[in-house]
């Protein structure tokens, strides 16, 4: 791996990433043609960025397309249990698509997707009730999704 990937991304790396953000299905050849590079150069740079942990190419699906019509943010307060330990247990539930240890009034923040309100009731009463250390839960139901994006700015 090149020493270049131990540091910052260069303009070519950023351009490749932008092309992938615009079209995650773009081939190396298509990206190369748009950027005036060879397909081998694009392929090599993508592999190097992936190896360096600077790039992951993933597919993101729509919740509703999989029958998950209810999105919940759940703030959890704990008693007598480390947040990291409880968060790992909670993250193991298939309904949980994000688990964060947070500071402030709560210890853990979960993002949950379920099929409907019956599934939410089962999740809350059957699964969460068995998790040791939960003192309180504050749910917030998403009524509309304004932004759903995994992009973030690339810093210099």
N, C-alpha and C. Protein backbone atom coordinates (compact mmCIF):
# COMPACT_ATOMS: atom_id res chain seq x y z
N UNK A 1 0.85 -1.18 0.00
CA UNK A 1 0.00 0.00 0.00
C UNK A 1 0.89 1.24 0.00
N UNK A 2 0.50 2.21 -0.78
CA UNK A 2 1.26 3.44 -0.91
C UNK A 2 1.20 4.27 0.36
N UNK A 3 2.31 4.98 0.65
CA UNK A 3 2.32 5.88 1.81
C UNK A 3 1.29 6.98 1.66
N UNK A 4 0.90 7.25 0.41
CA UNK A 4 -0.09 8.31 0.15
C UNK A 4 -1.37 8.05 0.94
N UNK A 5 -1.72 6.79 1.17
CA UNK A 5 -2.96 6.47 1.86
C UNK A 5 -2.82 6.47 3.37
N UNK A 6 -1.61 6.74 3.86
CA UNK A 6 -1.43 6.91 5.29
C UNK A 6 -1.84 8.32 5.69
N UNK A 7 -2.02 9.18 4.74
CA UNK A 7 -2.33 10.58 5.00
C UNK A 7 -3.69 10.95 4.41
N UNK A 8 -3.72 12.07 3.71
CA UNK A 8 -4.97 12.61 3.19
C UNK A 8 -5.25 12.13 1.77
N UNK A 9 -6.51 12.20 1.42
CA UNK A 9 -6.92 11.89 0.06
C UNK A 9 -6.50 13.03 -0.86
N UNK A 10 -6.13 12.70 -2.11
CA UNK A 10 -5.79 13.76 -3.05
C UNK A 10 -7.00 14.08 -3.93
N UNK A 11 -6.82 14.99 -4.86
CA UNK A 11 -7.93 15.45 -5.70
C UNK A 11 -8.49 14.31 -6.55
N UNK A 12 -7.65 13.42 -7.03
CA UNK A 12 -8.12 12.29 -7.83
C UNK A 12 -8.97 11.34 -6.99
N UNK A 13 -8.51 11.06 -5.78
CA UNK A 13 -9.29 10.21 -4.87
C UNK A 13 -10.67 10.82 -4.62
N UNK A 14 -10.68 12.11 -4.35
CA UNK A 14 -11.95 12.80 -4.08
C UNK A 14 -12.87 12.74 -5.29
N UNK A 15 -12.31 12.91 -6.47
CA UNK A 15 -13.12 12.87 -7.68
C UNK A 15 -13.72 11.48 -7.89
N UNK A 16 -12.94 10.43 -7.62
CA UNK A 16 -13.45 9.06 -7.73
C UNK A 16 -14.59 8.85 -6.73
N UNK A 17 -14.41 9.30 -5.51
CA UNK A 17 -15.45 9.17 -4.49
C UNK A 17 -16.71 9.91 -4.90
N UNK A 18 -16.57 11.11 -5.44
CA UNK A 18 -17.74 11.88 -5.88
C UNK A 18 -18.49 11.16 -6.98
N UNK A 19 -17.77 10.56 -7.90
CA UNK A 19 -18.42 9.80 -8.98
C UNK A 19 -19.18 8.62 -8.39
N UNK A 20 -18.59 7.93 -7.43
CA UNK A 20 -19.28 6.80 -6.79
C UNK A 20 -20.49 7.26 -5.99
N UNK A 21 -20.40 8.43 -5.38
CA UNK A 21 -21.56 8.96 -4.65
C UNK A 21 -22.71 9.26 -5.61
N UNK A 22 -22.36 9.77 -6.76
CA UNK A 22 -23.40 10.10 -7.75
C UNK A 22 -24.02 8.87 -8.38
N UNK A 23 -23.21 7.82 -8.55
CA UNK A 23 -23.69 6.58 -9.14
C UNK A 23 -22.87 5.43 -8.59
N UNK A 24 -23.38 4.79 -7.56
CA UNK A 24 -22.68 3.70 -6.92
C UNK A 24 -22.50 2.48 -7.80
N UNK A 25 -23.21 2.43 -8.93
CA UNK A 25 -23.09 1.31 -9.85
C UNK A 25 -22.15 1.60 -11.01
N UNK A 26 -21.55 2.78 -11.01
CA UNK A 26 -20.64 3.14 -12.10
C UNK A 26 -19.46 2.16 -12.13
N UNK A 27 -19.08 1.77 -13.33
CA UNK A 27 -17.94 0.88 -13.48
C UNK A 27 -16.64 1.69 -13.40
N UNK A 28 -15.56 0.99 -13.14
CA UNK A 28 -14.26 1.66 -13.12
C UNK A 28 -13.99 2.33 -14.47
N UNK A 29 -14.39 1.68 -15.57
CA UNK A 29 -14.19 2.24 -16.90
C UNK A 29 -14.98 3.54 -17.07
N UNK A 30 -16.24 3.56 -16.61
CA UNK A 30 -17.05 4.78 -16.73
C UNK A 30 -16.44 5.92 -15.93
N UNK A 31 -16.01 5.63 -14.72
CA UNK A 31 -15.38 6.65 -13.88
C UNK A 31 -14.09 7.14 -14.54
N UNK A 32 -13.31 6.21 -15.05
CA UNK A 32 -12.04 6.56 -15.69
C UNK A 32 -12.27 7.48 -16.89
N UNK A 33 -13.26 7.16 -17.72
CA UNK A 33 -13.54 8.00 -18.90
C UNK A 33 -13.93 9.41 -18.49
N UNK A 34 -14.75 9.53 -17.44
CA UNK A 34 -15.18 10.86 -17.00
C UNK A 34 -14.04 11.67 -16.40
N UNK A 35 -13.07 10.99 -15.80
CA UNK A 35 -11.99 11.70 -15.12
C UNK A 35 -10.69 11.74 -15.92
N UNK A 36 -10.68 11.12 -17.10
CA UNK A 36 -9.47 11.12 -17.90
C UNK A 36 -8.38 10.23 -17.34
N UNK A 37 -8.78 9.11 -16.74
CA UNK A 37 -7.84 8.15 -16.15
C UNK A 37 -8.00 6.81 -16.85
N UNK A 38 -7.18 5.84 -16.47
CA UNK A 38 -7.39 4.48 -16.96
C UNK A 38 -8.25 3.73 -15.94
N UNK A 39 -8.93 2.70 -16.42
CA UNK A 39 -9.76 1.88 -15.52
C UNK A 39 -8.89 1.21 -14.47
N UNK A 40 -7.67 0.82 -14.84
CA UNK A 40 -6.76 0.21 -13.87
C UNK A 40 -6.39 1.18 -12.76
N UNK A 41 -6.19 2.46 -13.10
CA UNK A 41 -5.86 3.46 -12.09
C UNK A 41 -7.02 3.63 -11.12
N UNK A 42 -8.24 3.71 -11.65
CA UNK A 42 -9.42 3.86 -10.79
C UNK A 42 -9.56 2.64 -9.89
N UNK A 43 -9.43 1.46 -10.46
CA UNK A 43 -9.54 0.22 -9.67
C UNK A 43 -8.49 0.18 -8.57
N UNK A 44 -7.26 0.50 -8.91
CA UNK A 44 -6.17 0.48 -7.93
C UNK A 44 -6.41 1.48 -6.81
N UNK A 45 -6.85 2.68 -7.15
CA UNK A 45 -7.09 3.70 -6.13
C UNK A 45 -8.25 3.30 -5.22
N UNK A 46 -9.30 2.73 -5.78
CA UNK A 46 -10.43 2.29 -4.96
C UNK A 46 -9.96 1.21 -3.99
N UNK A 47 -9.21 0.22 -4.48
CA UNK A 47 -8.69 -0.83 -3.60
C UNK A 47 -7.81 -0.27 -2.50
N UNK A 48 -6.94 0.68 -2.83
CA UNK A 48 -6.06 1.27 -1.83
C UNK A 48 -6.84 2.05 -0.78
N UNK A 49 -7.85 2.81 -1.22
CA UNK A 49 -8.67 3.56 -0.25
C UNK A 49 -9.46 2.61 0.64
N UNK A 50 -9.96 1.51 0.07
CA UNK A 50 -10.67 0.51 0.87
C UNK A 50 -9.72 -0.13 1.88
N UNK A 51 -8.53 -0.49 1.44
CA UNK A 51 -7.54 -1.12 2.33
C UNK A 51 -7.13 -0.20 3.47
N UNK A 52 -7.10 1.10 3.18
CA UNK A 52 -6.70 2.09 4.18
C UNK A 52 -7.87 2.50 5.08
N UNK A 53 -9.06 1.93 4.84
CA UNK A 53 -10.22 2.29 5.65
C UNK A 53 -10.78 3.66 5.34
N UNK A 54 -10.48 4.18 4.15
CA UNK A 54 -10.95 5.52 3.77
C UNK A 54 -12.18 5.48 2.88
N UNK A 55 -12.57 4.29 2.43
CA UNK A 55 -13.69 4.17 1.51
C UNK A 55 -14.35 2.81 1.70
N UNK A 56 -15.68 2.83 1.73
CA UNK A 56 -16.48 1.61 1.70
C UNK A 56 -17.56 1.82 0.67
N UNK A 57 -17.71 0.90 -0.25
CA UNK A 57 -18.78 0.97 -1.23
C UNK A 57 -19.87 0.04 -0.74
N UNK A 58 -21.04 0.61 -0.46
CA UNK A 58 -22.14 -0.16 0.11
C UNK A 58 -23.44 0.12 -0.63
N UNK A 59 -24.41 -0.75 -0.46
CA UNK A 59 -25.75 -0.53 -0.97
C UNK A 59 -26.63 -0.10 0.20
N UNK A 60 -27.47 0.88 -0.04
CA UNK A 60 -28.41 1.36 0.98
C UNK A 60 -29.81 1.15 0.43
N UNK A 61 -30.63 0.43 1.18
CA UNK A 61 -31.98 0.16 0.72
C UNK A 61 -32.99 1.04 1.46
N UNK A 62 -34.16 1.13 0.88
CA UNK A 62 -35.25 1.90 1.46
C UNK A 62 -35.98 1.04 2.48
N UNK A 63 -36.26 1.60 3.65
CA UNK A 63 -36.93 0.84 4.70
C UNK A 63 -38.28 0.29 4.23
N UNK A 64 -39.08 1.15 3.62
CA UNK A 64 -40.42 0.74 3.21
C UNK A 64 -40.38 -0.38 2.17
N UNK A 65 -39.35 -0.41 1.34
CA UNK A 65 -39.23 -1.47 0.34
C UNK A 65 -39.10 -2.84 0.98
N UNK A 66 -38.68 -2.89 2.22
CA UNK A 66 -38.54 -4.14 2.96
C UNK A 66 -39.65 -4.34 3.97
N UNK A 67 -40.69 -3.52 3.87
CA UNK A 67 -41.84 -3.68 4.74
C UNK A 67 -41.69 -3.04 6.11
N UNK A 68 -40.67 -2.22 6.29
CA UNK A 68 -40.46 -1.52 7.56
C UNK A 68 -41.07 -0.12 7.44
N UNK A 69 -42.28 0.02 7.92
CA UNK A 69 -43.02 1.26 7.76
C UNK A 69 -43.01 2.16 8.98
N UNK A 70 -42.41 1.70 10.08
CA UNK A 70 -42.35 2.50 11.31
C UNK A 70 -40.89 2.66 11.71
N UNK A 71 -40.46 3.91 11.79
CA UNK A 71 -39.10 4.23 12.23
C UNK A 71 -39.18 4.91 13.58
N UNK A 72 -38.35 4.45 14.51
CA UNK A 72 -38.37 4.93 15.89
C UNK A 72 -36.96 5.31 16.32
N UNK A 73 -36.86 6.43 17.01
CA UNK A 73 -35.63 6.76 17.73
C UNK A 73 -35.96 6.48 19.19
N UNK A 74 -35.09 5.73 19.86
CA UNK A 74 -35.37 5.34 21.24
C UNK A 74 -34.20 5.74 22.13
N UNK A 75 -34.44 6.68 23.03
CA UNK A 75 -33.42 7.11 24.00
C UNK A 75 -33.57 6.26 25.26
N UNK A 76 -32.46 5.71 25.73
CA UNK A 76 -32.49 4.76 26.85
C UNK A 76 -31.59 5.25 27.98
N UNK A 77 -32.15 5.22 29.19
CA UNK A 77 -31.37 5.46 30.41
C UNK A 77 -31.13 4.12 31.09
N UNK A 78 -29.93 3.95 31.63
CA UNK A 78 -29.56 2.69 32.28
C UNK A 78 -29.33 2.88 33.77
N UNK A 79 -29.43 1.80 34.49
CA UNK A 79 -29.07 1.73 35.90
C UNK A 79 -28.16 0.52 36.09
N UNK A 80 -27.04 0.72 36.77
CA UNK A 80 -26.16 -0.38 37.19
C UNK A 80 -25.71 -1.30 36.06
N UNK A 81 -25.46 -0.72 34.89
CA UNK A 81 -24.91 -1.50 33.79
C UNK A 81 -24.13 -0.57 32.87
N UNK A 82 -22.94 -0.96 32.47
CA UNK A 82 -22.17 -0.12 31.55
C UNK A 82 -22.90 0.07 30.21
N UNK A 83 -22.90 1.30 29.72
CA UNK A 83 -23.59 1.60 28.46
C UNK A 83 -23.02 0.79 27.30
N UNK A 84 -21.71 0.61 27.27
CA UNK A 84 -21.10 -0.13 26.17
C UNK A 84 -21.60 -1.57 26.13
N UNK A 85 -21.74 -2.19 27.28
CA UNK A 85 -22.22 -3.57 27.36
C UNK A 85 -23.68 -3.67 26.89
N UNK A 86 -24.52 -2.77 27.39
CA UNK A 86 -25.94 -2.79 27.01
C UNK A 86 -26.11 -2.46 25.53
N UNK A 87 -25.32 -1.52 25.03
CA UNK A 87 -25.43 -1.12 23.62
C UNK A 87 -25.12 -2.29 22.69
N UNK A 88 -24.12 -3.10 23.05
CA UNK A 88 -23.78 -4.26 22.23
C UNK A 88 -24.95 -5.25 22.22
N UNK A 89 -25.56 -5.47 23.37
CA UNK A 89 -26.71 -6.38 23.41
C UNK A 89 -27.86 -5.84 22.57
N UNK A 90 -28.17 -4.55 22.73
CA UNK A 90 -29.27 -3.95 21.98
C UNK A 90 -29.00 -3.94 20.48
N UNK A 91 -27.76 -3.71 20.10
CA UNK A 91 -27.40 -3.69 18.68
C UNK A 91 -27.60 -5.05 18.02
N UNK A 92 -27.66 -6.10 18.82
CA UNK A 92 -27.85 -7.44 18.30
C UNK A 92 -29.27 -7.74 17.83
N UNK A 93 -30.22 -6.91 18.20
CA UNK A 93 -31.60 -7.13 17.74
C UNK A 93 -31.72 -6.73 16.27
N UNK A 94 -32.35 -7.55 15.45
CA UNK A 94 -32.44 -7.23 14.02
C UNK A 94 -33.23 -5.95 13.72
N UNK A 95 -34.10 -5.55 14.61
CA UNK A 95 -34.88 -4.32 14.39
C UNK A 95 -34.02 -3.06 14.54
N UNK A 96 -32.91 -3.18 15.24
CA UNK A 96 -32.03 -2.03 15.52
C UNK A 96 -31.06 -1.87 14.36
N UNK A 97 -31.12 -0.72 13.67
CA UNK A 97 -30.18 -0.50 12.58
C UNK A 97 -29.09 0.48 12.94
N UNK A 98 -29.17 1.11 14.13
CA UNK A 98 -28.08 1.95 14.62
C UNK A 98 -28.18 2.01 16.13
N UNK A 99 -27.04 1.91 16.79
CA UNK A 99 -26.97 2.01 18.26
C UNK A 99 -25.81 2.92 18.60
N UNK A 100 -26.08 3.94 19.41
CA UNK A 100 -25.05 4.92 19.78
C UNK A 100 -24.98 5.08 21.29
N UNK A 101 -23.78 5.10 21.81
CA UNK A 101 -23.58 5.48 23.20
C UNK A 101 -23.46 7.01 23.19
N UNK A 102 -24.25 7.67 24.02
CA UNK A 102 -24.32 9.13 23.98
C UNK A 102 -24.10 9.73 25.37
N UNK A 103 -23.84 11.01 25.40
CA UNK A 103 -23.78 11.71 26.69
C UNK A 103 -25.02 12.59 26.80
N UNK A 104 -25.27 13.11 27.97
CA UNK A 104 -26.46 13.93 28.18
C UNK A 104 -27.44 13.22 29.08
N UNK A 105 -28.72 13.39 28.80
CA UNK A 105 -29.77 12.83 29.65
C UNK A 105 -29.94 11.32 29.48
N UNK A 106 -29.42 10.76 28.40
CA UNK A 106 -29.59 9.34 28.12
C UNK A 106 -28.23 8.69 27.94
N UNK A 107 -28.21 7.36 28.01
CA UNK A 107 -26.98 6.61 27.86
C UNK A 107 -26.81 6.02 26.46
N UNK A 108 -27.93 5.62 25.87
CA UNK A 108 -27.91 4.95 24.57
C UNK A 108 -29.02 5.53 23.70
N UNK A 109 -28.72 5.66 22.43
CA UNK A 109 -29.71 6.10 21.46
C UNK A 109 -29.80 5.01 20.39
N UNK A 110 -31.00 4.52 20.12
CA UNK A 110 -31.22 3.49 19.11
C UNK A 110 -32.07 4.04 17.98
N UNK A 111 -31.81 3.55 16.78
CA UNK A 111 -32.69 3.78 15.65
C UNK A 111 -33.23 2.42 15.25
N UNK A 112 -34.55 2.34 15.19
CA UNK A 112 -35.25 1.06 15.05
C UNK A 112 -36.21 1.13 13.86
N UNK A 113 -36.26 0.06 13.08
CA UNK A 113 -37.23 -0.04 11.99
C UNK A 113 -38.04 -1.31 12.18
N UNK A 114 -39.37 -1.17 12.17
CA UNK A 114 -40.26 -2.32 12.30
C UNK A 114 -41.37 -2.23 11.26
N UNK A 115 -42.06 -3.34 11.06
CA UNK A 115 -43.08 -3.41 10.03
C UNK A 115 -44.28 -2.53 10.33
N UNK A 116 -44.74 -2.58 11.57
CA UNK A 116 -45.96 -1.86 11.93
C UNK A 116 -45.98 -1.67 13.45
N UNK A 117 -47.06 -1.09 13.96
CA UNK A 117 -47.13 -0.80 15.39
C UNK A 117 -47.29 -2.07 16.24
N UNK A 118 -47.86 -3.12 15.68
CA UNK A 118 -47.90 -4.39 16.41
C UNK A 118 -46.49 -4.93 16.61
N UNK A 119 -45.66 -4.83 15.58
CA UNK A 119 -44.27 -5.27 15.70
C UNK A 119 -43.52 -4.40 16.69
N UNK A 120 -43.83 -3.11 16.71
CA UNK A 120 -43.19 -2.22 17.68
C UNK A 120 -43.57 -2.62 19.10
N UNK A 121 -44.84 -2.91 19.31
CA UNK A 121 -45.30 -3.34 20.63
C UNK A 121 -44.59 -4.61 21.06
N UNK A 122 -44.50 -5.59 20.17
CA UNK A 122 -43.79 -6.84 20.50
C UNK A 122 -42.33 -6.58 20.82
N UNK A 123 -41.68 -5.73 20.04
CA UNK A 123 -40.28 -5.41 20.26
C UNK A 123 -40.07 -4.78 21.64
N UNK A 124 -40.92 -3.79 21.95
CA UNK A 124 -40.77 -3.07 23.21
C UNK A 124 -41.09 -3.97 24.40
N UNK A 125 -42.16 -4.74 24.32
CA UNK A 125 -42.61 -5.54 25.47
C UNK A 125 -41.88 -6.88 25.61
N UNK A 126 -41.53 -7.49 24.50
CA UNK A 126 -40.93 -8.83 24.58
C UNK A 126 -39.40 -8.78 24.54
N UNK A 127 -38.84 -8.00 23.66
CA UNK A 127 -37.38 -7.99 23.54
C UNK A 127 -36.72 -7.04 24.54
N UNK A 128 -37.16 -5.79 24.53
CA UNK A 128 -36.50 -4.81 25.38
C UNK A 128 -36.72 -5.07 26.87
N UNK A 129 -37.86 -5.67 27.22
CA UNK A 129 -38.12 -5.94 28.63
C UNK A 129 -37.13 -6.95 29.20
N UNK A 130 -36.48 -7.73 28.34
CA UNK A 130 -35.51 -8.71 28.80
C UNK A 130 -34.09 -8.18 28.91
N UNK A 131 -33.88 -6.92 28.56
CA UNK A 131 -32.53 -6.35 28.61
C UNK A 131 -32.30 -5.79 30.01
N UNK A 132 -31.30 -6.34 30.68
CA UNK A 132 -30.98 -5.93 32.04
C UNK A 132 -30.45 -4.50 32.08
N UNK A 133 -30.90 -3.74 33.06
CA UNK A 133 -30.35 -2.42 33.34
C UNK A 133 -31.10 -1.24 32.75
N UNK A 134 -32.13 -1.49 31.93
CA UNK A 134 -32.87 -0.36 31.35
C UNK A 134 -33.75 0.25 32.43
N UNK A 135 -33.52 1.54 32.71
CA UNK A 135 -34.33 2.26 33.69
C UNK A 135 -35.52 2.93 33.01
N UNK A 136 -35.26 3.57 31.86
CA UNK A 136 -36.35 4.24 31.14
C UNK A 136 -36.05 4.29 29.66
N UNK A 137 -37.13 4.41 28.88
CA UNK A 137 -37.03 4.52 27.43
C UNK A 137 -37.92 5.66 26.98
N UNK A 138 -37.41 6.48 26.08
CA UNK A 138 -38.20 7.57 25.52
C UNK A 138 -38.22 7.41 24.01
N UNK A 139 -39.35 6.93 23.46
CA UNK A 139 -39.42 6.74 22.01
C UNK A 139 -39.88 8.01 21.30
N UNK A 140 -39.38 8.17 20.09
CA UNK A 140 -39.84 9.22 19.19
C UNK A 140 -40.10 8.57 17.85
N UNK A 141 -41.32 8.72 17.35
CA UNK A 141 -41.71 8.10 16.08
C UNK A 141 -41.43 9.08 14.96
N UNK A 142 -40.76 8.61 13.90
CA UNK A 142 -40.52 9.45 12.72
C UNK A 142 -41.83 9.58 11.96
N UNK A 143 -42.28 10.81 11.78
CA UNK A 143 -43.52 11.05 11.02
C UNK A 143 -43.22 11.40 9.57
N UNK A 144 -41.97 11.79 9.28
CA UNK A 144 -41.56 12.09 7.91
C UNK A 144 -40.03 12.03 7.85
N UNK A 145 -39.50 11.57 6.76
CA UNK A 145 -38.05 11.54 6.57
C UNK A 145 -37.68 12.69 5.65
N UNK A 146 -36.98 13.66 6.20
CA UNK A 146 -36.58 14.84 5.44
C UNK A 146 -35.26 14.57 4.71
N UNK A 147 -34.35 13.87 5.36
CA UNK A 147 -33.06 13.54 4.76
C UNK A 147 -32.66 12.14 5.21
N UNK A 148 -32.20 11.35 4.25
CA UNK A 148 -31.72 10.01 4.52
C UNK A 148 -30.48 9.83 3.66
N UNK A 149 -29.33 10.09 4.24
CA UNK A 149 -28.11 10.09 3.47
C UNK A 149 -26.95 9.60 4.32
N UNK A 150 -26.05 8.87 3.69
CA UNK A 150 -24.86 8.41 4.39
C UNK A 150 -23.63 9.19 3.96
N UNK A 151 -23.82 10.20 3.11
CA UNK A 151 -22.70 11.03 2.69
C UNK A 151 -22.26 11.94 3.81
N UNK A 152 -21.00 12.22 3.82
CA UNK A 152 -20.49 13.26 4.69
C UNK A 152 -19.31 13.91 3.97
N UNK A 153 -19.01 15.10 4.38
CA UNK A 153 -17.96 15.86 3.70
C UNK A 153 -16.60 15.20 3.91
N UNK A 154 -15.77 15.29 2.90
CA UNK A 154 -14.40 14.81 2.99
C UNK A 154 -13.56 15.98 3.44
N UNK A 155 -12.86 15.82 4.56
CA UNK A 155 -12.03 16.92 5.06
C UNK A 155 -10.69 16.92 4.37
N UNK A 156 -10.10 18.08 4.32
CA UNK A 156 -8.77 18.21 3.71
C UNK A 156 -7.69 17.75 4.64
